[in-house]
Amino acid sequence: MDGKTFTHSATYFITSLAEIEKVSNTPLQELLKDLGGWPVLEGDSWSGDNFNWLDTLIAFRKYGFSHDLFMDLSVTPDFRNNTRHVIDVCVSLKAIRFHGIN
């Protein structure tokens, strides 16, 4: 990478960080609140008493997220006994990416 390219890249990176700091994480916090909150952020103030998985999935779709954003459910053949099936519950790879950023 030549000096000019490096300088442009560094300037872009620093400018991006400044913009992120201006916006803060408020939009993400608001989105999480609309999706029913997140116990990791809310601690003891979060209550799962009113949590409804179907409502959460509907809210995910409302915001354009896939149903398998945080976890993926699938049914696969049991490789030890092919007359049976296994329900796989996996952490979705989408969970480690922010929506809209590849």
C-alpha atoms as a PDB file:
ATOM      1  CA  MET A   1       0.000   0.000   0.000  1.00  0.00           C
ATOM      2  CA  ASP A   2       1.476   3.337  -0.965  1.00  0.00           C
ATOM      3  CA  GLY A   3       1.580   6.358   1.363  1.00  0.00           C
ATOM      4  CA  LYS A   4      -1.340   8.153  -0.274  1.00  0.00           C
ATOM      5  CA  THR A   5      -3.608   5.111  -0.077  1.00  0.00           C
ATOM      6  CA  PHE A   6      -2.629   4.549   3.545  1.00  0.00           C
ATOM      7  CA  THR A   7      -3.338   8.193   4.422  1.00  0.00           C
ATOM      8  CA  HIS A   8      -6.762   8.057   2.742  1.00  0.00           C
ATOM      9  CA  SER A   9      -7.581   4.796   4.535  1.00  0.00           C
ATOM     10  CA  ALA A  10      -6.509   6.179   7.909  1.00  0.00           C
ATOM     11  CA  THR A  11      -8.498   9.384   7.363  1.00  0.00           C
ATOM     12  CA  TYR A  12     -11.590   7.386   6.403  1.00  0.00           C
ATOM     13  CA  PHE A  13     -11.204   5.166   9.462  1.00  0.00           C
ATOM     14  CA  ILE A  14     -10.801   8.106  11.865  1.00  0.00           C
ATOM     15  CA  THR A  15     -13.742   9.952  10.287  1.00  0.00           C
ATOM     16  CA  SER A  16     -15.883   6.816  10.595  1.00  0.00           C
ATOM     17  CA  LEU A  17     -15.005   6.464  14.273  1.00  0.00           C
ATOM     18  CA  ALA A  18     -15.917  10.101  14.876  1.00  0.00           C
ATOM     19  CA  GLU A  19     -19.314   9.579  13.218  1.00  0.00           C
ATOM     20  CA  ILE A  20     -19.950   6.448  15.264  1.00  0.00           C
ATOM     21  CA  GLU A  21     -19.160   8.359  18.450  1.00  0.00           C
ATOM     22  CA  LYS A  22     -21.609  11.118  17.427  1.00  0.00           C
ATOM     23  CA  VAL A  23     -24.417   8.642  16.891  1.00  0.00           C
ATOM     24  CA  SER A  24     -23.447   6.590  19.937  1.00  0.00           C
ATOM     25  CA  ASN A  25     -25.153   3.266  20.426  1.00  0.00           C
ATOM     26  CA  THR A  26     -28.571   4.846  21.029  1.00  0.00           C
ATOM     27  CA  PRO A  27     -30.175   3.506  17.807  1.00  0.00           C
ATOM     28  CA  LEU A  28     -29.090  -0.029  18.681  1.00  0.00           C
ATOM     29  CA  GLN A  29     -30.349   0.338  22.258  1.00  0.00           C
ATOM     30  CA  GLU A  30     -33.711   1.615  20.975  1.00  0.00           C
ATOM     31  CA  LEU A  31     -33.970  -1.298  18.548  1.00  0.00           C
ATOM     32  CA  LEU A  32     -33.202  -3.814  21.292  1.00  0.00           C
ATOM     33  CA  LYS A  33     -35.834  -2.202  23.525  1.00  0.00           C
ATOM     34  CA  ASP A  34     -38.418  -2.466  20.706  1.00  0.00           C
ATOM     35  CA  LEU A  35     -37.491  -6.142  20.317  1.00  0.00           C
ATOM     36  CA  GLY A  36     -38.285  -6.781  23.984  1.00  0.00           C
ATOM     37  CA  GLY A  37     -35.019  -5.819  25.625  1.00  0.00           C
ATOM     38  CA  TRP A  38     -31.871  -7.793  26.233  1.00  0.00           C
ATOM     39  CA  PRO A  39     -31.039  -9.225  29.663  1.00  0.00           C
ATOM     40  CA  VAL A  40     -27.306  -8.712  29.112  1.00  0.00           C
ATOM     41  CA  LEU A  41     -27.840  -4.940  28.927  1.00  0.00           C
ATOM     42  CA  GLU A  42     -30.739  -4.560  31.329  1.00  0.00           C
ATOM     43  CA  GLY A  43     -29.545  -6.858  34.099  1.00  0.00           C
ATOM     44  CA  ASP A  44     -32.007  -7.463  36.903  1.00  0.00           C
ATOM     45  CA  SER A  45     -34.467  -4.909  35.519  1.00  0.00           C
ATOM     46  CA  TRP A  46     -35.268  -7.231  32.572  1.00  0.00           C
ATOM     47  CA  SER A  47     -38.129  -9.616  33.193  1.00  0.00           C
ATOM     48  CA  GLY A  48     -38.886 -12.605  31.042  1.00  0.00           C
ATOM     49  CA  ASP A  49     -42.395 -12.880  32.472  1.00  0.00           C
ATOM     50  CA  ASN A  50     -43.911 -11.149  29.451  1.00  0.00           C
ATOM     51  CA  PHE A  51     -41.522 -12.615  26.888  1.00  0.00           C
ATOM     52  CA  ASN A  52     -43.265 -14.248  23.962  1.00  0.00           C
ATOM     53  CA  TRP A  53     -41.123 -15.959  21.346  1.00  0.00           C
ATOM     54  CA  LEU A  54     -43.721 -15.542  18.584  1.00  0.00           C
ATOM     55  CA  ASP A  55     -44.025 -11.795  19.263  1.00  0.00           C
ATOM     56  CA  THR A  56     -40.225 -11.535  19.169  1.00  0.00           C
ATOM     57  CA  LEU A  57     -40.057 -13.312  15.798  1.00  0.00           C
ATOM     58  CA  ILE A  58     -42.752 -10.987  14.439  1.00  0.00           C
ATOM     59  CA  ALA A  59     -40.774  -7.966  15.680  1.00  0.00           C
ATOM     60  CA  PHE A  60     -37.616  -9.364  14.021  1.00  0.00           C
ATOM     61  CA  ARG A  61     -39.445  -9.578  10.693  1.00  0.00           C
ATOM     62  CA  LYS A  62     -40.902  -6.073  11.179  1.00  0.00           C
ATOM     63  CA  TYR A  63     -37.354  -4.689  11.318  1.00  0.00           C
ATOM     64  CA  GLY A  64     -36.179  -6.821   8.406  1.00  0.00           C
ATOM     65  CA  PHE A  65     -34.231  -9.384  10.424  1.00  0.00           C
ATOM     66  CA  SER A  66     -34.347 -13.067   9.656  1.00  0.00           C
ATOM     67  CA  HIS A  67     -36.020 -15.425  12.115  1.00  0.00           C
ATOM     68  CA  ASP A  68     -32.648 -17.085  12.680  1.00  0.00           C
ATOM     69  CA  LEU A  69     -30.774 -13.948  13.694  1.00  0.00           C
ATOM     70  CA  PHE A  70     -29.631 -15.238  17.093  1.00  0.00           C
ATOM     71  CA  MET A  71     -30.107 -18.956  16.813  1.00  0.00           C
ATOM     72  CA  ASP A  72     -30.822 -21.446  14.102  1.00  0.00           C
ATOM     73  CA  LEU A  73     -33.177 -24.394  14.481  1.00  0.00           C
ATOM     74  CA  SER A  74     -33.145 -27.271  12.036  1.00  0.00           C
ATOM     75  CA  VAL A  75     -34.128 -30.910  11.850  1.00  0.00           C
ATOM     76  CA  THR A  76     -31.502 -33.284  10.486  1.00  0.00           C
ATOM     77  CA  PRO A  77     -31.168 -37.055  10.214  1.00  0.00           C
ATOM     78  CA  ASP A  78     -29.506 -38.762  13.174  1.00  0.00           C
ATOM     79  CA  PHE A  79     -26.258 -40.054  11.676  1.00  0.00           C
ATOM     80  CA  ARG A  80     -26.037 -42.821  14.298  1.00  0.00           C
ATOM     81  CA  ASN A  81     -29.544 -44.057  13.554  1.00  0.00           C
ATOM     82  CA  ASN A  82     -31.014 -42.997  10.208  1.00  0.00           C
ATOM     83  CA  THR A  83     -34.548 -43.929  11.269  1.00  0.00           C
ATOM     84  CA  ARG A  84     -34.528 -40.974  13.701  1.00  0.00           C
ATOM     85  CA  HIS A  85     -34.146 -37.222  13.390  1.00  0.00           C
ATOM     86  CA  VAL A  86     -32.365 -34.684  15.580  1.00  0.00           C
ATOM     87  CA  ILE A  87     -33.366 -31.097  16.337  1.00  0.00           C
ATOM     88  CA  ASP A  88     -30.246 -28.937  16.024  1.00  0.00           C
ATOM     89  CA  VAL A  89     -30.099 -25.659  17.940  1.00  0.00           C
ATOM     90  CA  CYS A  90     -27.085 -23.593  16.896  1.00  0.00           C
ATOM     91  CA  VAL A  91     -25.828 -20.075  17.431  1.00  0.00           C
ATOM     92  CA  SER A  92     -26.424 -18.315  14.161  1.00  0.00           C
ATOM     93  CA  LEU A  93     -23.421 -16.806  12.380  1.00  0.00           C
ATOM     94  CA  LYS A  94     -25.675 -13.820  11.767  1.00  0.00           C
ATOM     95  CA  ALA A  95     -25.574 -13.107  15.483  1.00  0.00           C
ATOM     96  CA  ILE A  96     -21.977 -11.949  15.231  1.00  0.00           C
ATOM     97  CA  ARG A  97     -22.649  -9.532  12.381  1.00  0.00           C
ATOM     98  CA  PHE A  98     -24.561  -6.285  12.596  1.00  0.00           C
ATOM     99  CA  HIS A  99     -27.577  -6.163  10.300  1.00  0.00           C
ATOM    100  CA  GLY A 100     -26.657  -4.569   6.963  1.00  0.00           C
ATOM    101  CA  ILE A 101     -22.896  -4.980   7.300  1.00  0.00           C
ATOM    102  CA  ASN A 102     -21.273  -7.893   5.506  1.00  0.00           C
END
